[in-house]
Amino acid sequence: MPGKIKAYELQSKSKNDLSKLLGELKQELLTLRVQKIAGGSAAKLTKISSVRKSIARVLTVINQKQRQNLREFYKGKKHLPLDLRYKKTRAIRRRLTSHELSLKTEKQRKKDIHFPVRKFAVKA
């Protein structure tokens, strides 16, 4: 593999290209590990970490694309899968929604109708 793989270059590739590249990188990592055991050169040993990072980049891009496709699929639907929902904090997630906050009981509604807020004419 020539040089380091850049994540922005991977974004434009298709799913098949990415999986093919992932297979090649894993194969390369396998050969490098065999050479490490066999007593390979120092240059080969230092390449192991760059290949591992490249594999991580490819997997990250694959995961991002998959999540993006899922977001588009679930857009406009009533429920989202848990891993696609916003995280925020537990307290915020448990909090009442704005609609639930605005709801009033029947008793409160009647009280508001029969005893409205008084308007006073203030003499200037």
PDB file of N, CA and C in Angstrom:
ATOM      1  N   MET A   1       0.850  -1.182   0.000  1.00  0.00           N
ATOM      2  CA  MET A   1       0.000   0.000   0.000  1.00  0.00           C
ATOM      3  C   MET A   1       0.894   1.243   0.000  1.00  0.00           C
ATOM      4  N   PRO A   2       0.705   2.099  -0.994  1.00  0.00           N
ATOM      5  CA  PRO A   2       1.540   3.290  -1.074  1.00  0.00           C
ATOM      6  C   PRO A   2       1.079   4.373  -0.106  1.00  0.00           C
ATOM      7  N   GLY A   3       1.932   4.724   0.837  1.00  0.00           N
ATOM      8  CA  GLY A   3       1.650   5.831   1.749  1.00  0.00           C
ATOM      9  C   GLY A   3       0.494   5.574   2.702  1.00  0.00           C
ATOM     10  N   LYS A   4       0.118   6.665   3.375  1.00  0.00           N
ATOM     11  CA  LYS A   4      -0.953   6.602   4.361  1.00  0.00           C
ATOM     12  C   LYS A   4      -2.293   6.859   3.681  1.00  0.00           C
ATOM     13  N   ILE A   5      -3.321   6.181   4.145  1.00  0.00           N
ATOM     14  CA  ILE A   5      -4.656   6.367   3.574  1.00  0.00           C
ATOM     15  C   ILE A   5      -5.329   7.534   4.281  1.00  0.00           C
ATOM     16  N   LYS A   6      -5.902   8.438   3.503  1.00  0.00           N
ATOM     17  CA  LYS A   6      -6.593   9.599   4.061  1.00  0.00           C
ATOM     18  C   LYS A   6      -8.095   9.306   4.125  1.00  0.00           C
ATOM     19  N   ALA A   7      -8.734   9.723   5.220  1.00  0.00           N
ATOM     20  CA  ALA A   7     -10.158   9.437   5.415  1.00  0.00           C
ATOM     21  C   ALA A   7     -11.026  10.146   4.383  1.00  0.00           C
ATOM     22  N   TYR A   8     -10.649  11.379   4.003  1.00  0.00           N
ATOM     23  CA  TYR A   8     -11.478  12.113   3.043  1.00  0.00           C
ATOM     24  C   TYR A   8     -11.439  11.474   1.651  1.00  0.00           C
ATOM     25  N   GLU A   9     -10.342  10.755   1.349  1.00  0.00           N
ATOM     26  CA  GLU A   9     -10.270  10.034   0.069  1.00  0.00           C
ATOM     27  C   GLU A   9     -11.191   8.817   0.095  1.00  0.00           C
ATOM     28  N   LEU A  10     -11.361   8.234   1.278  1.00  0.00           N
ATOM     29  CA  LEU A  10     -12.202   7.046   1.408  1.00  0.00           C
ATOM     30  C   LEU A  10     -13.686   7.384   1.307  1.00  0.00           C
ATOM     31  N   GLN A  11     -14.057   8.620   1.676  1.00  0.00           N
ATOM     32  CA  GLN A  11     -15.471   9.014   1.693  1.00  0.00           C
ATOM     33  C   GLN A  11     -16.140   8.832   0.332  1.00  0.00           C
ATOM     34  N   SER A  12     -15.383   9.089  -0.735  1.00  0.00           N
ATOM     35  CA  SER A  12     -15.969   9.047  -2.077  1.00  0.00           C
ATOM     36  C   SER A  12     -16.059   7.619  -2.636  1.00  0.00           C
ATOM     37  N   LYS A  13     -15.390   6.660  -2.002  1.00  0.00           N
ATOM     38  CA  LYS A  13     -15.389   5.285  -2.515  1.00  0.00           C
ATOM     39  C   LYS A  13     -16.687   4.558  -2.166  1.00  0.00           C
ATOM     40  N   SER A  14     -17.007   3.540  -2.980  1.00  0.00           N
ATOM     41  CA  SER A  14     -18.229   2.764  -2.744  1.00  0.00           C
ATOM     42  C   SER A  14     -17.981   1.717  -1.660  1.00  0.00           C
ATOM     43  N   LYS A  15     -19.073   1.083  -1.243  1.00  0.00           N
ATOM     44  CA  LYS A  15     -18.995   0.083  -0.175  1.00  0.00           C
ATOM     45  C   LYS A  15     -18.128  -1.111  -0.614  1.00  0.00           C
ATOM     46  N   ASN A  16     -18.283  -1.532  -1.870  1.00  0.00           N
ATOM     47  CA  ASN A  16     -17.501  -2.671  -2.370  1.00  0.00           C
ATOM     48  C   ASN A  16     -16.011  -2.348  -2.405  1.00  0.00           C
ATOM     49  N   ASP A  17     -15.678  -1.123  -2.858  1.00  0.00           N
ATOM     50  CA  ASP A  17     -14.267  -0.717  -2.898  1.00  0.00           C
ATOM     51  C   ASP A  17     -13.668  -0.702  -1.497  1.00  0.00           C
ATOM     52  N   LEU A  18     -14.454  -0.189  -0.542  1.00  0.00           N
ATOM     53  CA  LEU A  18     -13.968  -0.116   0.834  1.00  0.00           C
ATOM     54  C   LEU A  18     -13.747  -1.510   1.431  1.00  0.00           C
ATOM     55  N   SER A  19     -14.676  -2.423   1.166  1.00  0.00           N
ATOM     56  CA  SER A  19     -14.517  -3.778   1.712  1.00  0.00           C
ATOM     57  C   SER A  19     -13.332  -4.494   1.059  1.00  0.00           C
ATOM     58  N   LYS A  20     -13.118  -4.218  -0.228  1.00  0.00           N
ATOM     59  CA  LYS A  20     -11.964  -4.801  -0.932  1.00  0.00           C
ATOM     60  C   LYS A  20     -10.659  -4.265  -0.342  1.00  0.00           C
ATOM     61  N   LEU A  21     -10.625  -2.946  -0.107  1.00  0.00           N
ATOM     62  CA  LEU A  21      -9.447  -2.296   0.474  1.00  0.00           C
ATOM     63  C   LEU A  21      -9.188  -2.829   1.879  1.00  0.00           C
ATOM     64  N   LEU A  22     -10.259  -3.038   2.634  1.00  0.00           N
ATOM     65  CA  LEU A  22     -10.139  -3.574   3.986  1.00  0.00           C
ATOM     66  C   LEU A  22      -9.508  -4.976   3.951  1.00  0.00           C
ATOM     67  N   GLY A  23      -9.956  -5.788   3.025  1.00  0.00           N
ATOM     68  CA  GLY A  23      -9.388  -7.129   2.869  1.00  0.00           C
ATOM     69  C   GLY A  23      -7.907  -7.087   2.537  1.00  0.00           C
ATOM     70  N   GLU A  24      -7.530  -6.176   1.632  1.00  0.00           N
ATOM     71  CA  GLU A  24      -6.116  -6.033   1.256  1.00  0.00           C
ATOM     72  C   GLU A  24      -5.272  -5.610   2.457  1.00  0.00           C
ATOM     73  N   LEU A  25      -5.792  -4.639   3.214  1.00  0.00           N
ATOM     74  CA  LEU A  25      -5.044  -4.151   4.376  1.00  0.00           C
ATOM     75  C   LEU A  25      -4.888  -5.244   5.434  1.00  0.00           C
ATOM     76  N   LYS A  26      -5.931  -6.022   5.651  1.00  0.00           N
ATOM     77  CA  LYS A  26      -5.849  -7.107   6.633  1.00  0.00           C
ATOM     78  C   LYS A  26      -4.841  -8.165   6.192  1.00  0.00           C
ATOM     79  N   GLN A  27      -4.835  -8.426   4.887  1.00  0.00           N
ATOM     80  CA  GLN A  27      -3.874  -9.397   4.341  1.00  0.00           C
ATOM     81  C   GLN A  27      -2.445  -8.882   4.535  1.00  0.00           C
ATOM     82  N   GLU A  28      -2.260  -7.575   4.275  1.00  0.00           N
ATOM     83  CA  GLU A  28      -0.936  -6.975   4.443  1.00  0.00           C
ATOM     84  C   GLU A  28      -0.490  -7.042   5.900  1.00  0.00           C
ATOM     85  N   LEU A  29      -1.436  -6.776   6.819  1.00  0.00           N
ATOM     86  CA  LEU A  29      -1.120  -6.847   8.243  1.00  0.00           C
ATOM     87  C   LEU A  29      -0.712  -8.263   8.637  1.00  0.00           C
ATOM     88  N   LEU A  30      -1.401  -9.228   8.061  1.00  0.00           N
ATOM     89  CA  LEU A  30      -1.075 -10.636   8.328  1.00  0.00           C
ATOM     90  C   LEU A  30       0.356 -10.952   7.895  1.00  0.00           C
ATOM     91  N   THR A  31       0.729 -10.533   6.687  1.00  0.00           N
ATOM     92  CA  THR A  31       2.092 -10.807   6.192  1.00  0.00           C
ATOM     93  C   THR A  31       3.141 -10.077   7.039  1.00  0.00           C
ATOM     94  N   LEU A  32       2.817  -8.850   7.467  1.00  0.00           N
ATOM     95  CA  LEU A  32       3.762  -8.105   8.305  1.00  0.00           C
ATOM     96  C   LEU A  32       3.969  -8.792   9.649  1.00  0.00           C
ATOM     97  N   ARG A  33       2.897  -9.343  10.205  1.00  0.00           N
ATOM     98  CA  ARG A  33       3.023 -10.044  11.497  1.00  0.00           C
ATOM     99  C   ARG A  33       3.848 -11.329  11.355  1.00  0.00           C
ATOM    100  N   VAL A  34       3.682 -11.996  10.218  1.00  0.00           N
ATOM    101  CA  VAL A  34       4.481 -13.204   9.965  1.00  0.00           C
ATOM    102  C   VAL A  34       5.950 -12.831   9.854  1.00  0.00           C
ATOM    103  N   GLN A  35       6.240 -11.714   9.145  1.00  0.00           N
ATOM    104  CA  GLN A  35       7.624 -11.256   8.988  1.00  0.00           C
ATOM    105  C   GLN A  35       8.222 -10.829  10.335  1.00  0.00           C
ATOM    106  N   LYS A  36       7.367 -10.289  11.196  1.00  0.00           N
ATOM    107  CA  LYS A  36       7.834  -9.880  12.525  1.00  0.00           C
ATOM    108  C   LYS A  36       8.338 -11.094  13.307  1.00  0.00           C
ATOM    109  N   ILE A  37       7.565 -12.192  13.231  1.00  0.00           N
ATOM    110  CA  ILE A  37       7.956 -13.417  13.931  1.00  0.00           C
ATOM    111  C   ILE A  37       9.212 -14.019  13.293  1.00  0.00           C
ATOM    112  N   ALA A  38       9.277 -13.937  11.960  1.00  0.00           N
ATOM    113  CA  ALA A  38      10.414 -14.505  11.236  1.00  0.00           C
ATOM    114  C   ALA A  38      11.674 -13.655  11.393  1.00  0.00           C
ATOM    115  N   GLY A  39      11.520 -12.431  11.933  1.00  0.00           N
ATOM    116  CA  GLY A  39      12.686 -11.570  12.134  1.00  0.00           C
ATOM    117  C   GLY A  39      12.878 -10.629  10.967  1.00  0.00           C
ATOM    118  N   GLY A  40      11.845  -9.872  10.652  1.00  0.00           N
ATOM    119  CA  GLY A  40      11.907  -8.935   9.534  1.00  0.00           C
ATOM    120  C   GLY A  40      12.673  -7.674   9.875  1.00  0.00           C
ATOM    121  N   SER A  41      12.823  -6.814   8.879  1.00  0.00           N
ATOM    122  CA  SER A  41      13.564  -5.560   9.074  1.00  0.00           C
ATOM    123  C   SER A  41      12.756  -4.584   9.932  1.00  0.00           C
ATOM    124  N   ALA A  42      13.450  -3.585  10.449  1.00  0.00           N
ATOM    125  CA  ALA A  42      12.816  -2.605  11.328  1.00  0.00           C
ATOM    126  C   ALA A  42      11.755  -1.788  10.586  1.00  0.00           C
ATOM    127  N   ALA A  43      11.983  -1.543   9.305  1.00  0.00           N
ATOM    128  CA  ALA A  43      11.029  -0.757   8.505  1.00  0.00           C
ATOM    129  C   ALA A  43       9.687  -1.480   8.409  1.00  0.00           C
ATOM    130  N   LYS A  44       9.756  -2.795   8.282  1.00  0.00           N
ATOM    131  CA  LYS A  44       8.519  -3.589   8.198  1.00  0.00           C
ATOM    132  C   LYS A  44       7.757  -3.544   9.524  1.00  0.00           C
ATOM    133  N   LEU A  45       8.519  -3.597  10.627  1.00  0.00           N
ATOM    134  CA  LEU A  45       7.889  -3.597  11.947  1.00  0.00           C
ATOM    135  C   LEU A  45       7.182  -2.273  12.228  1.00  0.00           C
ATOM    136  N   THR A  46       7.770  -1.160  11.787  1.00  0.00           N
ATOM    137  CA  THR A  46       7.142   0.143  12.018  1.00  0.00           C
ATOM    138  C   THR A  46       5.919   0.332  11.128  1.00  0.00           C
ATOM    139  N   LYS A  47       5.862  -0.424  10.026  1.00  0.00           N
ATOM    140  CA  LYS A  47       4.728  -0.298   9.107  1.00  0.00           C
ATOM    141  C   LYS A  47       3.465  -0.923   9.700  1.00  0.00           C
ATOM    142  N   ILE A  48       3.623  -1.839  10.655  1.00  0.00           N
ATOM    143  CA  ILE A  48       2.464  -2.519  11.257  1.00  0.00           C
ATOM    144  C   ILE A  48       1.484  -1.505  11.839  1.00  0.00           C
ATOM    145  N   SER A  49       2.008  -0.526  12.577  1.00  0.00           N
ATOM    146  CA  SER A  49       1.116   0.453  13.218  1.00  0.00           C
ATOM    147  C   SER A  49       0.378   1.291  12.183  1.00  0.00           C
ATOM    148  N   SER A  50       1.049   1.680  11.101  1.00  0.00           N
ATOM    149  CA  SER A  50       0.377   2.492  10.073  1.00  0.00           C
ATOM    150  C   SER A  50      -0.706   1.682   9.360  1.00  0.00           C
ATOM    151  N   VAL A  51      -0.455   0.389   9.157  1.00  0.00           N
ATOM    152  CA  VAL A  51      -1.464  -0.466   8.519  1.00  0.00           C
ATOM    153  C   VAL A  51      -2.670  -0.635   9.445  1.00  0.00           C
ATOM    154  N   ARG A  52      -2.402  -0.809  10.738  1.00  0.00           N
ATOM    155  CA  ARG A  52      -3.503  -0.931  11.706  1.00  0.00           C
ATOM    156  C   ARG A  52      -4.360   0.326  11.724  1.00  0.00           C
ATOM    157  N   LYS A  53      -3.697   1.493  11.694  1.00  0.00           N
ATOM    158  CA  LYS A  53      -4.441   2.759  11.684  1.00  0.00           C
ATOM    159  C   LYS A  53      -5.248   2.907  10.397  1.00  0.00           C
ATOM    160  N   SER A  54      -4.671   2.442   9.275  1.00  0.00           N
ATOM    161  CA  SER A  54      -5.392   2.509   7.994  1.00  0.00           C
ATOM    162  C   SER A  54      -6.638   1.637   8.032  1.00  0.00           C
ATOM    163  N   ILE A  55      -6.515   0.457   8.649  1.00  0.00           N
ATOM    164  CA  ILE A  55      -7.673  -0.434   8.801  1.00  0.00           C
ATOM    165  C   ILE A  55      -8.746   0.264   9.630  1.00  0.00           C
ATOM    166  N   ALA A  56      -8.319   0.934  10.708  1.00  0.00           N
ATOM    167  CA  ALA A  56      -9.264   1.653  11.567  1.00  0.00           C
ATOM    168  C   ALA A  56      -9.970   2.757  10.782  1.00  0.00           C
ATOM    169  N   ARG A  57      -9.228   3.474   9.929  1.00  0.00           N
ATOM    170  CA  ARG A  57      -9.829   4.532   9.115  1.00  0.00           C
ATOM    171  C   ARG A  57     -10.885   3.977   8.173  1.00  0.00           C
ATOM    172  N   VAL A  58     -10.560   2.875   7.516  1.00  0.00           N
ATOM    173  CA  VAL A  58     -11.499   2.268   6.567  1.00  0.00           C
ATOM    174  C   VAL A  58     -12.761   1.820   7.301  1.00  0.00           C
ATOM    175  N   LEU A  59     -12.586   1.171   8.456  1.00  0.00           N
ATOM    176  CA  LEU A  59     -13.741   0.714   9.235  1.00  0.00           C
ATOM    177  C   LEU A  59     -14.590   1.889   9.712  1.00  0.00           C
ATOM    178  N   THR A  60     -13.926   2.989  10.085  1.00  0.00           N
ATOM    179  CA  THR A  60     -14.652   4.183  10.526  1.00  0.00           C
ATOM    180  C   THR A  60     -15.508   4.739   9.401  1.00  0.00           C
ATOM    181  N   VAL A  61     -14.930   4.826   8.202  1.00  0.00           N
ATOM    182  CA  VAL A  61     -15.676   5.363   7.061  1.00  0.00           C
ATOM    183  C   VAL A  61     -16.841   4.447   6.704  1.00  0.00           C
ATOM    184  N   ILE A  62     -16.628   3.129   6.756  1.00  0.00           N
ATOM    185  CA  ILE A  62     -17.706   2.173   6.471  1.00  0.00           C
ATOM    186  C   ILE A  62     -18.847   2.374   7.473  1.00  0.00           C
ATOM    187  N   ASN A  63     -18.482   2.513   8.758  1.00  0.00           N
ATOM    188  CA  ASN A  63     -19.479   2.703   9.818  1.00  0.00           C
ATOM    189  C   ASN A  63     -20.235   4.014   9.632  1.00  0.00           C
ATOM    190  N   GLN A  64     -19.518   5.083   9.284  1.00  0.00           N
ATOM    191  CA  GLN A  64     -20.158   6.385   9.071  1.00  0.00           C
ATOM    192  C   GLN A  64     -21.169   6.307   7.934  1.00  0.00           C
ATOM    193  N   LYS A  65     -20.768   5.662   6.828  1.00  0.00           N
ATOM    194  CA  LYS A  65     -21.667   5.551   5.673  1.00  0.00           C
ATOM    195  C   LYS A  65     -22.905   4.740   6.032  1.00  0.00           C
ATOM    196  N   GLN A  66     -22.702   3.666   6.776  1.00  0.00           N
ATOM    197  CA  GLN A  66     -23.810   2.806   7.173  1.00  0.00           C
ATOM    198  C   GLN A  66     -24.801   3.573   8.049  1.00  0.00           C
ATOM    199  N   ARG A  67     -24.276   4.336   9.011  1.00  0.00           N
ATOM    200  CA  ARG A  67     -25.139   5.125   9.892  1.00  0.00           C
ATOM    201  C   ARG A  67     -25.872   6.220   9.119  1.00  0.00           C
ATOM    202  N   GLN A  68     -25.178   6.820   8.159  1.00  0.00           N
ATOM    203  CA  GLN A  68     -25.795   7.867   7.339  1.00  0.00           C
ATOM    204  C   GLN A  68     -26.955   7.295   6.524  1.00  0.00           C
ATOM    205  N   ASN A  69     -26.750   6.114   5.951  1.00  0.00           N
ATOM    206  CA  ASN A  69     -27.819   5.457   5.182  1.00  0.00           C
ATOM    207  C   ASN A  69     -29.007   5.112   6.082  1.00  0.00           C
ATOM    208  N   LEU A  70     -28.714   4.655   7.301  1.00  0.00           N
ATOM    209  CA  LEU A  70     -29.783   4.328   8.243  1.00  0.00           C
ATOM    210  C   LEU A  70     -30.566   5.575   8.652  1.00  0.00           C
ATOM    211  N   ARG A  71     -29.845   6.685   8.852  1.00  0.00           N
ATOM    212  CA  ARG A  71     -30.516   7.949   9.201  1.00  0.00           C
ATOM    213  C   ARG A  71     -31.472   8.371   8.094  1.00  0.00           C
ATOM    214  N   GLU A  72     -31.024   8.241   6.839  1.00  0.00           N
ATOM    215  CA  GLU A  72     -31.885   8.595   5.708  1.00  0.00           C
ATOM    216  C   GLU A  72     -33.094   7.665   5.636  1.00  0.00           C
ATOM    217  N   PHE A  73     -32.880   6.375   5.933  1.00  0.00           N
ATOM    218  CA  PHE A  73     -33.964   5.395   5.888  1.00  0.00           C
ATOM    219  C   PHE A  73     -35.030   5.707   6.933  1.00  0.00           C
ATOM    220  N   TYR A  74     -34.588   6.069   8.163  1.00  0.00           N
ATOM    221  CA  TYR A  74     -35.528   6.307   9.257  1.00  0.00           C
ATOM    222  C   TYR A  74     -36.039   7.744   9.308  1.00  0.00           C
ATOM    223  N   LYS A  75     -35.596   8.597   8.386  1.00  0.00           N
ATOM    224  CA  LYS A  75     -36.046  10.001   8.385  1.00  0.00           C
ATOM    225  C   LYS A  75     -37.547  10.068   8.130  1.00  0.00           C
ATOM    226  N   GLY A  76     -38.265  10.774   9.005  1.00  0.00           N
ATOM    227  CA  GLY A  76     -39.710  10.902   8.847  1.00  0.00           C
ATOM    228  C   GLY A  76     -40.519   9.783   9.481  1.00  0.00           C
ATOM    229  N   LYS A  77     -39.851   8.709   9.940  1.00  0.00           N
ATOM    230  CA  LYS A  77     -40.567   7.623  10.605  1.00  0.00           C
ATOM    231  C   LYS A  77     -40.825   8.012  12.066  1.00  0.00           C
ATOM    232  N   LYS A  78     -41.754   7.312  12.690  1.00  0.00           N
ATOM    233  CA  LYS A  78     -42.151   7.667  14.056  1.00  0.00           C
ATOM    234  C   LYS A  78     -41.050   7.371  15.077  1.00  0.00           C
ATOM    235  N   HIS A  79     -40.423   6.200  14.988  1.00  0.00           N
ATOM    236  CA  HIS A  79     -39.421   5.823  15.975  1.00  0.00           C
ATOM    237  C   HIS A  79     -38.061   5.623  15.328  1.00  0.00           C
ATOM    238  N   LEU A  80     -37.019   6.036  16.056  1.00  0.00           N
ATOM    239  CA  LEU A  80     -35.636   5.829  15.629  1.00  0.00           C
ATOM    240  C   LEU A  80     -35.028   4.695  16.446  1.00  0.00           C
ATOM    241  N   PRO A  81     -34.102   3.927  15.876  1.00  0.00           N
ATOM    242  CA  PRO A  81     -33.382   2.952  16.701  1.00  0.00           C
ATOM    243  C   PRO A  81     -32.604   3.687  17.799  1.00  0.00           C
ATOM    244  N   LEU A  82     -32.386   3.017  18.912  1.00  0.00           N
ATOM    245  CA  LEU A  82     -31.763   3.658  20.070  1.00  0.00           C
ATOM    246  C   LEU A  82     -30.396   4.254  19.753  1.00  0.00           C
ATOM    247  N   ASP A  83     -29.605   3.561  18.935  1.00  0.00           N
ATOM    248  CA  ASP A  83     -28.258   4.061  18.662  1.00  0.00           C
ATOM    249  C   ASP A  83     -28.251   5.263  17.717  1.00  0.00           C
ATOM    250  N   LEU A  84     -29.381   5.562  17.068  1.00  0.00           N
ATOM    251  CA  LEU A  84     -29.447   6.739  16.200  1.00  0.00           C
ATOM    252  C   LEU A  84     -30.087   7.944  16.888  1.00  0.00           C
ATOM    253  N   ARG A  85     -30.647   7.740  18.069  1.00  0.00           N
ATOM    254  CA  ARG A  85     -31.264   8.852  18.788  1.00  0.00           C
ATOM    255  C   ARG A  85     -30.174   9.739  19.395  1.00  0.00           C
ATOM    256  N   TYR A  86     -30.548  10.998  19.678  1.00  0.00           N
ATOM    257  CA  TYR A  86     -29.569  11.900  20.270  1.00  0.00           C
ATOM    258  C   TYR A  86     -29.230  11.444  21.678  1.00  0.00           C
ATOM    259  N   LYS A  87     -27.977  11.651  22.083  1.00  0.00           N
ATOM    260  CA  LYS A  87     -27.505  11.134  23.359  1.00  0.00           C
ATOM    261  C   LYS A  87     -27.794  12.108  24.494  1.00  0.00           C
ATOM    262  N   LYS A  88     -27.276  13.329  24.428  1.00  0.00           N
ATOM    263  CA  LYS A  88     -27.401  14.342  25.478  1.00  0.00           C
ATOM    264  C   LYS A  88     -27.106  13.733  26.839  1.00  0.00           C
ATOM    265  N   THR A  89     -27.963  13.968  27.839  1.00  0.00           N
ATOM    266  CA  THR A  89     -27.738  13.370  29.160  1.00  0.00           C
ATOM    267  C   THR A  89     -28.986  12.597  29.548  1.00  0.00           C
ATOM    268  N   ARG A  90     -28.844  11.739  30.536  1.00  0.00           N
ATOM    269  CA  ARG A  90     -29.967  10.899  30.955  1.00  0.00           C
ATOM    270  C   ARG A  90     -31.110  11.771  31.468  1.00  0.00           C
ATOM    271  N   ALA A  91     -30.752  12.825  32.225  1.00  0.00           N
ATOM    272  CA  ALA A  91     -31.765  13.716  32.794  1.00  0.00           C
ATOM    273  C   ALA A  91     -32.549  14.428  31.686  1.00  0.00           C
ATOM    274  N   ILE A  92     -31.847  14.874  30.658  1.00  0.00           N
ATOM    275  CA  ILE A  92     -32.521  15.556  29.549  1.00  0.00           C
ATOM    276  C   ILE A  92     -33.439  14.589  28.816  1.00  0.00           C
ATOM    277  N   ARG A  93     -32.974  13.351  28.625  1.00  0.00           N
ATOM    278  CA  ARG A  93     -33.807  12.359  27.922  1.00  0.00           C
ATOM    279  C   ARG A  93     -35.058  12.018  28.722  1.00  0.00           C
ATOM    280  N   ARG A  94     -34.976  12.056  30.063  1.00  0.00           N
ATOM    281  CA  ARG A  94     -36.124  11.717  30.897  1.00  0.00           C
ATOM    282  C   ARG A  94     -37.095  12.888  31.065  1.00  0.00           C
ATOM    283  N   ARG A  95     -36.621  14.088  30.755  1.00  0.00           N
ATOM    284  CA  ARG A  95     -37.413  15.295  30.968  1.00  0.00           C
ATOM    285  C   ARG A  95     -38.690  15.273  30.137  1.00  0.00           C
ATOM    286  N   LEU A  96     -39.725  15.988  30.626  1.00  0.00           N
ATOM    287  CA  LEU A  96     -40.974  16.083  29.873  1.00  0.00           C
ATOM    288  C   LEU A  96     -40.733  16.831  28.573  1.00  0.00           C
ATOM    289  N   THR A  97     -41.449  16.439  27.534  1.00  0.00           N
ATOM    290  CA  THR A  97     -41.341  17.153  26.263  1.00  0.00           C
ATOM    291  C   THR A  97     -42.087  18.474  26.380  1.00  0.00           C
ATOM    292  N   SER A  98     -41.871  19.379  25.435  1.00  0.00           N
ATOM    293  CA  SER A  98     -42.529  20.690  25.494  1.00  0.00           C
ATOM    294  C   SER A  98     -44.046  20.531  25.396  1.00  0.00           C
ATOM    295  N   HIS A  99     -44.497  19.528  24.640  1.00  0.00           N
ATOM    296  CA  HIS A  99     -45.937  19.281  24.527  1.00  0.00           C
ATOM    297  C   HIS A  99     -46.517  18.821  25.862  1.00  0.00           C
ATOM    298  N   GLU A 100     -45.814  17.899  26.527  1.00  0.00           N
ATOM    299  CA  GLU A 100     -46.276  17.397  27.819  1.00  0.00           C
ATOM    300  C   GLU A 100     -46.298  18.506  28.870  1.00  0.00           C
ATOM    301  N   LEU A 101     -45.335  19.422  28.783  1.00  0.00           N
ATOM    302  CA  LEU A 101     -45.294  20.537  29.723  1.00  0.00           C
ATOM    303  C   LEU A 101     -46.476  21.480  29.528  1.00  0.00           C
ATOM    304  N   SER A 102     -46.908  21.654  28.283  1.00  0.00           N
ATOM    305  CA  SER A 102     -47.969  22.624  27.995  1.00  0.00           C
ATOM    306  C   SER A 102     -49.364  22.089  28.303  1.00  0.00           C
ATOM    307  N   LEU A 103     -49.495  20.776  28.512  1.00  0.00           N
ATOM    308  CA  LEU A 103     -50.810  20.204  28.801  1.00  0.00           C
ATOM    309  C   LEU A 103     -51.334  20.662  30.160  1.00  0.00           C
ATOM    310  N   LYS A 104     -52.663  20.889  30.236  1.00  0.00           N
ATOM    311  CA  LYS A 104     -53.285  21.281  31.497  1.00  0.00           C
ATOM    312  C   LYS A 104     -54.363  20.268  31.859  1.00  0.00           C
ATOM    313  N   THR A 105     -54.609  20.136  33.162  1.00  0.00           N
ATOM    314  CA  THR A 105     -55.680  19.240  33.606  1.00  0.00           C
ATOM    315  C   THR A 105     -57.022  19.902  33.318  1.00  0.00           C
ATOM    316  N   GLU A 106     -58.069  19.110  33.341  1.00  0.00           N
ATOM    317  CA  GLU A 106     -59.434  19.630  33.099  1.00  0.00           C
ATOM    318  C   GLU A 106     -59.784  20.671  34.156  1.00  0.00           C
ATOM    319  N   LYS A 107     -59.423  20.402  35.406  1.00  0.00           N
ATOM    320  CA  LYS A 107     -59.719  21.321  36.501  1.00  0.00           C
ATOM    321  C   LYS A 107     -59.026  22.672  36.284  1.00  0.00           C
ATOM    322  N   GLN A 108     -57.770  22.635  35.870  1.00  0.00           N
ATOM    323  CA  GLN A 108     -57.014  23.869  35.634  1.00  0.00           C
ATOM    324  C   GLN A 108     -57.598  24.649  34.454  1.00  0.00           C
ATOM    325  N   ARG A 109     -58.040  23.935  33.433  1.00  0.00           N
ATOM    326  CA  ARG A 109     -58.650  24.573  32.264  1.00  0.00           C
ATOM    327  C   ARG A 109     -59.926  25.325  32.671  1.00  0.00           C
ATOM    328  N   LYS A 110     -60.766  24.679  33.472  1.00  0.00           N
ATOM    329  CA  LYS A 110     -62.008  25.307  33.940  1.00  0.00           C
ATOM    330  C   LYS A 110     -61.705  26.535  34.803  1.00  0.00           C
ATOM    331  N   LYS A 111     -60.717  26.403  35.682  1.00  0.00           N
ATOM    332  CA  LYS A 111     -60.336  27.509  36.550  1.00  0.00           C
ATOM    333  C   LYS A 111     -59.877  28.715  35.723  1.00  0.00           C
ATOM    334  N   ASP A 112     -59.099  28.443  34.666  1.00  0.00           N
ATOM    335  CA  ASP A 112     -58.609  29.522  33.798  1.00  0.00           C
ATOM    336  C   ASP A 112     -59.757  30.210  33.062  1.00  0.00           C
ATOM    337  N   ILE A 113     -60.747  29.418  32.649  1.00  0.00           N
ATOM    338  CA  ILE A 113     -61.880  29.982  31.913  1.00  0.00           C
ATOM    339  C   ILE A 113     -62.752  30.840  32.832  1.00  0.00           C
ATOM    340  N   HIS A 114     -63.087  30.325  34.021  1.00  0.00           N
ATOM    341  CA  HIS A 114     -64.022  30.998  34.922  1.00  0.00           C
ATOM    342  C   HIS A 114     -63.391  32.125  35.747  1.00  0.00           C
ATOM    343  N   PHE A 115     -62.101  32.040  35.987  1.00  0.00           N
ATOM    344  CA  PHE A 115     -61.418  33.076  36.762  1.00  0.00           C
ATOM    345  C   PHE A 115     -60.207  33.589  35.983  1.00  0.00           C
ATOM    346  N   PRO A 116     -60.474  34.361  34.928  1.00  0.00           N
ATOM    347  CA  PRO A 116     -59.336  34.859  34.134  1.00  0.00           C
ATOM    348  C   PRO A 116     -58.516  35.879  34.915  1.00  0.00           C
ATOM    349  N   VAL A 117     -57.339  36.191  34.446  1.00  0.00           N
ATOM    350  CA  VAL A 117     -56.470  37.169  35.093  1.00  0.00           C
ATOM    351  C   VAL A 117     -57.144  38.534  34.982  1.00  0.00           C
ATOM    352  N   ARG A 118     -57.249  39.237  36.105  1.00  0.00           N
ATOM    353  CA  ARG A 118     -57.947  40.524  36.109  1.00  0.00           C
ATOM    354  C   ARG A 118     -57.100  41.599  35.447  1.00  0.00           C
ATOM    355  N   LYS A 119     -57.805  42.468  34.720  1.00  0.00           N
ATOM    356  CA  LYS A 119     -57.138  43.585  34.085  1.00  0.00           C
ATOM    357  C   LYS A 119     -57.526  44.843  34.839  1.00  0.00           C
ATOM    358  N   PHE A 120     -56.528  45.569  35.311  1.00  0.00           N
ATOM    359  CA  PHE A 120     -56.773  46.778  36.060  1.00  0.00           C
ATOM    360  C   PHE A 120     -56.427  47.985  35.213  1.00  0.00           C
ATOM    361  N   ALA A 121     -57.284  49.001  35.271  1.00  0.00           N
ATOM    362  CA  ALA A 121     -56.983  50.263  34.587  1.00  0.00           C
ATOM    363  C   ALA A 121     -56.232  51.123  35.575  1.00  0.00           C
ATOM    364  N   VAL A 122     -54.990  51.394  35.303  1.00  0.00           N
ATOM    365  CA  VAL A 122     -54.149  52.169  36.222  1.00  0.00           C
ATOM    366  C   VAL A 122     -54.219  53.637  35.818  1.00  0.00           C
ATOM    367  N   LYS A 123     -54.534  54.471  36.801  1.00  0.00           N
ATOM    368  CA  LYS A 123     -54.608  55.917  36.549  1.00  0.00           C
ATOM    369  C   LYS A 123     -53.187  56.480  36.511  1.00  0.00           C
ATOM    370  N   ALA A 124     -52.894  57.193  35.422  1.00  0.00           N
ATOM    371  CA  ALA A 124     -51.545  57.702  35.255  1.00  0.00           C
ATOM    372  C   ALA A 124     -51.308  59.020  35.968  1.00  0.00           C
TER     373      ALA A 124
END
